[in-house]
């Protein structure tokens, strides 16, 4: 309960910054990040399946999302790096 309250506080306090970061994402970049928020840690094949795409169409976007700090790679899977941003995106798509 304390952790949940802390996340809610962080989202409220940082909502302007979080919205700015989310608004910078366009097209497939936004779709991939949104899908990662929905799925949690996911492999490119899972992300592609959710987006009804071929994984080869998803893979070229992943290095940029890692480089820009949106995603982290872990054992061949990808997840949103910042848990506060992840929860913000989840709230946006809910």
N, C-alpha and C. Protein backbone atom coordinates (compact mmCIF):
# COMPACT_ATOMS: atom_id res chain seq x y z
N UNK A 1 0.82 -1.20 0.00
CA UNK A 1 0.00 0.00 0.00
C UNK A 1 0.87 1.26 0.00
N UNK A 2 1.96 1.24 0.75
CA UNK A 2 2.87 2.39 0.81
C UNK A 2 3.53 2.61 -0.54
N UNK A 3 3.95 1.53 -1.19
CA UNK A 3 4.59 1.63 -2.49
C UNK A 3 3.60 2.19 -3.52
N UNK A 4 2.38 1.70 -3.48
CA UNK A 4 1.34 2.18 -4.39
C UNK A 4 1.11 3.68 -4.20
N UNK A 5 1.02 4.11 -2.96
CA UNK A 5 0.83 5.53 -2.67
C UNK A 5 2.01 6.35 -3.17
N UNK A 6 3.22 5.83 -3.03
CA UNK A 6 4.41 6.53 -3.51
C UNK A 6 4.40 6.66 -5.03
N UNK A 7 3.97 5.61 -5.72
CA UNK A 7 3.87 5.67 -7.17
C UNK A 7 2.83 6.71 -7.59
N UNK A 8 1.70 6.70 -6.94
CA UNK A 8 0.66 7.69 -7.28
C UNK A 8 1.17 9.10 -7.06
N UNK A 9 1.88 9.32 -5.96
CA UNK A 9 2.45 10.63 -5.69
C UNK A 9 3.44 11.03 -6.77
N UNK A 10 4.33 10.10 -7.13
CA UNK A 10 5.34 10.39 -8.15
C UNK A 10 4.69 10.72 -9.49
N UNK A 11 3.65 10.00 -9.85
CA UNK A 11 2.96 10.27 -11.11
C UNK A 11 2.32 11.64 -11.08
N UNK A 12 1.68 11.99 -9.98
CA UNK A 12 1.06 13.33 -9.86
C UNK A 12 2.11 14.43 -9.91
N UNK A 13 3.19 14.25 -9.17
CA UNK A 13 4.23 15.27 -9.09
C UNK A 13 4.98 15.45 -10.40
N UNK A 14 5.15 14.38 -11.12
CA UNK A 14 5.93 14.41 -12.36
C UNK A 14 5.06 14.36 -13.61
N UNK A 15 3.75 14.59 -13.47
CA UNK A 15 2.85 14.40 -14.61
C UNK A 15 3.24 15.26 -15.82
N UNK A 16 3.69 16.49 -15.59
CA UNK A 16 4.11 17.34 -16.71
C UNK A 16 5.29 16.76 -17.46
N UNK A 17 6.29 16.32 -16.71
CA UNK A 17 7.48 15.71 -17.32
C UNK A 17 7.11 14.40 -18.02
N UNK A 18 6.29 13.58 -17.36
CA UNK A 18 5.90 12.30 -17.94
C UNK A 18 5.11 12.51 -19.23
N UNK A 19 4.21 13.48 -19.22
CA UNK A 19 3.42 13.77 -20.43
C UNK A 19 4.33 14.25 -21.55
N UNK A 20 5.30 15.09 -21.22
CA UNK A 20 6.26 15.56 -22.23
C UNK A 20 7.01 14.38 -22.84
N UNK A 21 7.52 13.49 -22.01
CA UNK A 21 8.24 12.32 -22.52
C UNK A 21 7.35 11.44 -23.38
N UNK A 22 6.11 11.24 -22.95
CA UNK A 22 5.19 10.42 -23.72
C UNK A 22 4.85 11.10 -25.05
N UNK A 23 4.70 12.42 -25.03
CA UNK A 23 4.32 13.14 -26.25
C UNK A 23 5.44 13.13 -27.29
N UNK A 24 6.68 12.92 -26.87
CA UNK A 24 7.80 12.84 -27.81
C UNK A 24 7.75 11.55 -28.64
N UNK A 25 7.06 10.55 -28.13
CA UNK A 25 6.96 9.28 -28.85
C UNK A 25 5.91 9.38 -29.94
N UNK A 26 6.28 8.99 -31.14
CA UNK A 26 5.37 9.04 -32.28
C UNK A 26 5.34 7.69 -32.97
N UNK A 27 4.25 7.43 -33.64
CA UNK A 27 4.12 6.26 -34.50
C UNK A 27 4.45 4.95 -33.82
N UNK A 28 5.32 4.21 -34.48
CA UNK A 28 5.66 2.87 -33.99
C UNK A 28 6.39 2.92 -32.65
N UNK A 29 7.16 3.99 -32.40
CA UNK A 29 7.84 4.12 -31.12
C UNK A 29 6.82 4.16 -29.99
N UNK A 30 5.78 4.96 -30.16
CA UNK A 30 4.73 5.05 -29.14
C UNK A 30 4.01 3.71 -29.00
N UNK A 31 3.72 3.07 -30.12
CA UNK A 31 3.03 1.78 -30.08
C UNK A 31 3.83 0.73 -29.33
N UNK A 32 5.14 0.71 -29.55
CA UNK A 32 6.00 -0.26 -28.86
C UNK A 32 6.04 0.02 -27.37
N UNK A 33 6.24 1.27 -26.99
CA UNK A 33 6.30 1.62 -25.56
C UNK A 33 4.95 1.32 -24.89
N UNK A 34 3.87 1.66 -25.55
CA UNK A 34 2.54 1.40 -25.00
C UNK A 34 2.33 -0.11 -24.83
N UNK A 35 2.77 -0.88 -25.80
CA UNK A 35 2.64 -2.33 -25.72
C UNK A 35 3.49 -2.89 -24.59
N UNK A 36 4.69 -2.37 -24.41
CA UNK A 36 5.54 -2.82 -23.31
C UNK A 36 4.91 -2.48 -21.96
N UNK A 37 4.25 -1.35 -21.86
CA UNK A 37 3.55 -1.01 -20.62
C UNK A 37 2.44 -2.01 -20.36
N UNK A 38 1.75 -2.38 -21.40
CA UNK A 38 0.63 -3.33 -21.28
C UNK A 38 1.12 -4.74 -20.92
N UNK A 39 2.17 -5.19 -21.60
CA UNK A 39 2.64 -6.57 -21.42
C UNK A 39 3.63 -6.75 -20.29
N UNK A 40 4.31 -5.69 -19.90
CA UNK A 40 5.43 -5.83 -18.96
C UNK A 40 6.65 -6.25 -19.74
N UNK A 41 7.47 -7.10 -19.20
CA UNK A 41 8.65 -7.59 -19.91
C UNK A 41 8.20 -8.50 -21.05
N UNK A 42 8.68 -8.19 -22.26
CA UNK A 42 8.21 -8.94 -23.43
C UNK A 42 9.32 -9.07 -24.46
N UNK A 43 9.29 -10.17 -25.18
CA UNK A 43 10.21 -10.40 -26.29
C UNK A 43 9.68 -9.68 -27.53
N UNK A 44 10.56 -9.38 -28.49
CA UNK A 44 10.10 -8.72 -29.70
C UNK A 44 8.94 -9.44 -30.41
N UNK A 45 8.97 -10.75 -30.38
CA UNK A 45 7.89 -11.52 -31.01
C UNK A 45 6.55 -11.24 -30.33
N UNK A 46 6.56 -11.14 -29.01
CA UNK A 46 5.33 -10.85 -28.27
C UNK A 46 4.83 -9.43 -28.54
N UNK A 47 5.77 -8.49 -28.61
CA UNK A 47 5.41 -7.11 -28.91
C UNK A 47 4.79 -7.04 -30.30
N UNK A 48 5.46 -7.69 -31.25
CA UNK A 48 4.97 -7.70 -32.63
C UNK A 48 3.60 -8.35 -32.74
N UNK A 49 3.40 -9.44 -32.04
CA UNK A 49 2.11 -10.13 -32.07
C UNK A 49 1.00 -9.21 -31.56
N UNK A 50 1.27 -8.52 -30.48
CA UNK A 50 0.28 -7.60 -29.91
C UNK A 50 -0.04 -6.46 -30.88
N UNK A 51 0.96 -6.04 -31.65
CA UNK A 51 0.77 -4.96 -32.62
C UNK A 51 0.34 -5.45 -34.01
N UNK A 52 0.19 -6.77 -34.12
CA UNK A 52 -0.17 -7.40 -35.39
C UNK A 52 0.84 -7.04 -36.49
N UNK A 53 2.10 -7.18 -36.11
CA UNK A 53 3.23 -6.89 -37.00
C UNK A 53 4.15 -8.10 -37.02
N UNK A 54 5.07 -8.09 -37.97
CA UNK A 54 6.15 -9.07 -37.99
C UNK A 54 7.24 -8.56 -37.05
N UNK A 55 7.91 -9.45 -36.35
CA UNK A 55 8.95 -9.00 -35.41
C UNK A 55 10.07 -8.26 -36.13
N UNK A 56 10.32 -8.56 -37.40
CA UNK A 56 11.35 -7.83 -38.15
C UNK A 56 10.98 -6.36 -38.34
N UNK A 57 9.70 -6.04 -38.26
CA UNK A 57 9.25 -4.65 -38.37
C UNK A 57 9.39 -3.91 -37.04
N UNK A 58 9.54 -4.65 -35.95
CA UNK A 58 9.64 -4.06 -34.61
C UNK A 58 11.11 -3.87 -34.20
N UNK A 59 11.91 -4.84 -34.53
CA UNK A 59 13.32 -4.86 -34.06
C UNK A 59 14.12 -3.58 -34.35
N UNK A 60 13.98 -2.95 -35.51
CA UNK A 60 14.79 -1.74 -35.77
C UNK A 60 14.50 -0.57 -34.83
N UNK A 61 13.35 -0.55 -34.21
CA UNK A 61 12.98 0.55 -33.32
C UNK A 61 13.52 0.37 -31.90
N UNK A 62 13.81 -0.86 -31.53
CA UNK A 62 14.20 -1.16 -30.15
C UNK A 62 15.52 -0.51 -29.72
N UNK A 63 16.58 -0.54 -30.55
CA UNK A 63 17.83 0.12 -30.11
C UNK A 63 17.66 1.62 -29.82
N UNK A 64 16.86 2.29 -30.63
CA UNK A 64 16.63 3.72 -30.40
C UNK A 64 15.90 3.94 -29.09
N UNK A 65 14.89 3.12 -28.80
CA UNK A 65 14.15 3.25 -27.55
C UNK A 65 15.04 2.95 -26.34
N UNK A 66 16.00 2.07 -26.50
CA UNK A 66 16.97 1.80 -25.43
C UNK A 66 17.90 3.01 -25.28
N UNK A 67 18.42 3.48 -26.41
CA UNK A 67 19.36 4.60 -26.39
C UNK A 67 18.73 5.86 -25.78
N UNK A 68 17.46 6.09 -26.05
CA UNK A 68 16.77 7.26 -25.53
C UNK A 68 16.25 7.07 -24.11
N UNK A 69 16.47 5.88 -23.54
CA UNK A 69 16.15 5.64 -22.14
C UNK A 69 14.73 5.18 -21.85
N UNK A 70 13.98 4.85 -22.88
CA UNK A 70 12.61 4.39 -22.66
C UNK A 70 12.55 2.91 -22.27
N UNK A 71 13.36 2.10 -22.94
CA UNK A 71 13.35 0.66 -22.69
C UNK A 71 14.69 0.17 -22.16
N UNK A 72 14.63 -0.97 -21.52
CA UNK A 72 15.83 -1.69 -21.09
C UNK A 72 15.72 -3.11 -21.65
N UNK A 73 16.85 -3.66 -22.05
CA UNK A 73 16.89 -5.03 -22.56
C UNK A 73 17.38 -5.94 -21.45
N UNK A 74 16.68 -7.06 -21.30
CA UNK A 74 17.03 -8.00 -20.24
C UNK A 74 16.80 -9.42 -20.76
N UNK A 75 17.89 -10.14 -20.99
CA UNK A 75 17.82 -11.52 -21.47
C UNK A 75 16.96 -11.68 -22.72
N UNK A 76 17.12 -10.79 -23.68
CA UNK A 76 16.38 -10.88 -24.94
C UNK A 76 14.97 -10.33 -24.88
N UNK A 77 14.58 -9.85 -23.73
CA UNK A 77 13.26 -9.24 -23.57
C UNK A 77 13.43 -7.75 -23.29
N UNK A 78 12.35 -7.02 -23.45
CA UNK A 78 12.38 -5.57 -23.28
C UNK A 78 11.32 -5.15 -22.28
N UNK A 79 11.65 -4.10 -21.53
CA UNK A 79 10.70 -3.55 -20.58
C UNK A 79 10.95 -2.06 -20.47
N UNK A 80 9.95 -1.35 -19.99
CA UNK A 80 10.11 0.08 -19.79
C UNK A 80 11.08 0.27 -18.63
N UNK A 81 12.05 1.12 -18.84
CA UNK A 81 13.13 1.31 -17.86
C UNK A 81 12.63 1.95 -16.57
N UNK A 82 11.79 2.95 -16.65
CA UNK A 82 11.34 3.71 -15.48
C UNK A 82 9.96 3.22 -15.03
N UNK A 83 9.85 2.62 -13.85
CA UNK A 83 8.56 2.09 -13.40
C UNK A 83 7.49 3.18 -13.22
N UNK A 84 7.89 4.40 -12.90
CA UNK A 84 6.91 5.48 -12.78
C UNK A 84 6.35 5.81 -14.16
N UNK A 85 7.23 5.90 -15.15
CA UNK A 85 6.78 6.16 -16.52
C UNK A 85 5.90 5.01 -17.02
N UNK A 86 6.27 3.79 -16.69
CA UNK A 86 5.47 2.63 -17.09
C UNK A 86 4.06 2.74 -16.53
N UNK A 87 3.94 3.08 -15.26
CA UNK A 87 2.61 3.22 -14.66
C UNK A 87 1.85 4.39 -15.25
N UNK A 88 2.54 5.46 -15.59
CA UNK A 88 1.90 6.59 -16.24
C UNK A 88 1.31 6.17 -17.58
N UNK A 89 2.08 5.43 -18.36
CA UNK A 89 1.60 4.96 -19.66
C UNK A 89 0.40 4.01 -19.47
N UNK A 90 0.48 3.15 -18.50
CA UNK A 90 -0.64 2.25 -18.21
C UNK A 90 -1.91 3.04 -17.91
N UNK A 91 -1.78 4.11 -17.14
CA UNK A 91 -2.94 4.95 -16.85
C UNK A 91 -3.46 5.63 -18.11
N UNK A 92 -2.57 6.02 -19.01
CA UNK A 92 -2.97 6.67 -20.26
C UNK A 92 -3.77 5.73 -21.14
N UNK A 93 -3.41 4.45 -21.15
CA UNK A 93 -4.07 3.51 -22.06
C UNK A 93 -5.24 2.78 -21.42
N UNK A 94 -5.43 2.99 -20.13
CA UNK A 94 -6.52 2.29 -19.42
C UNK A 94 -7.87 2.84 -19.81
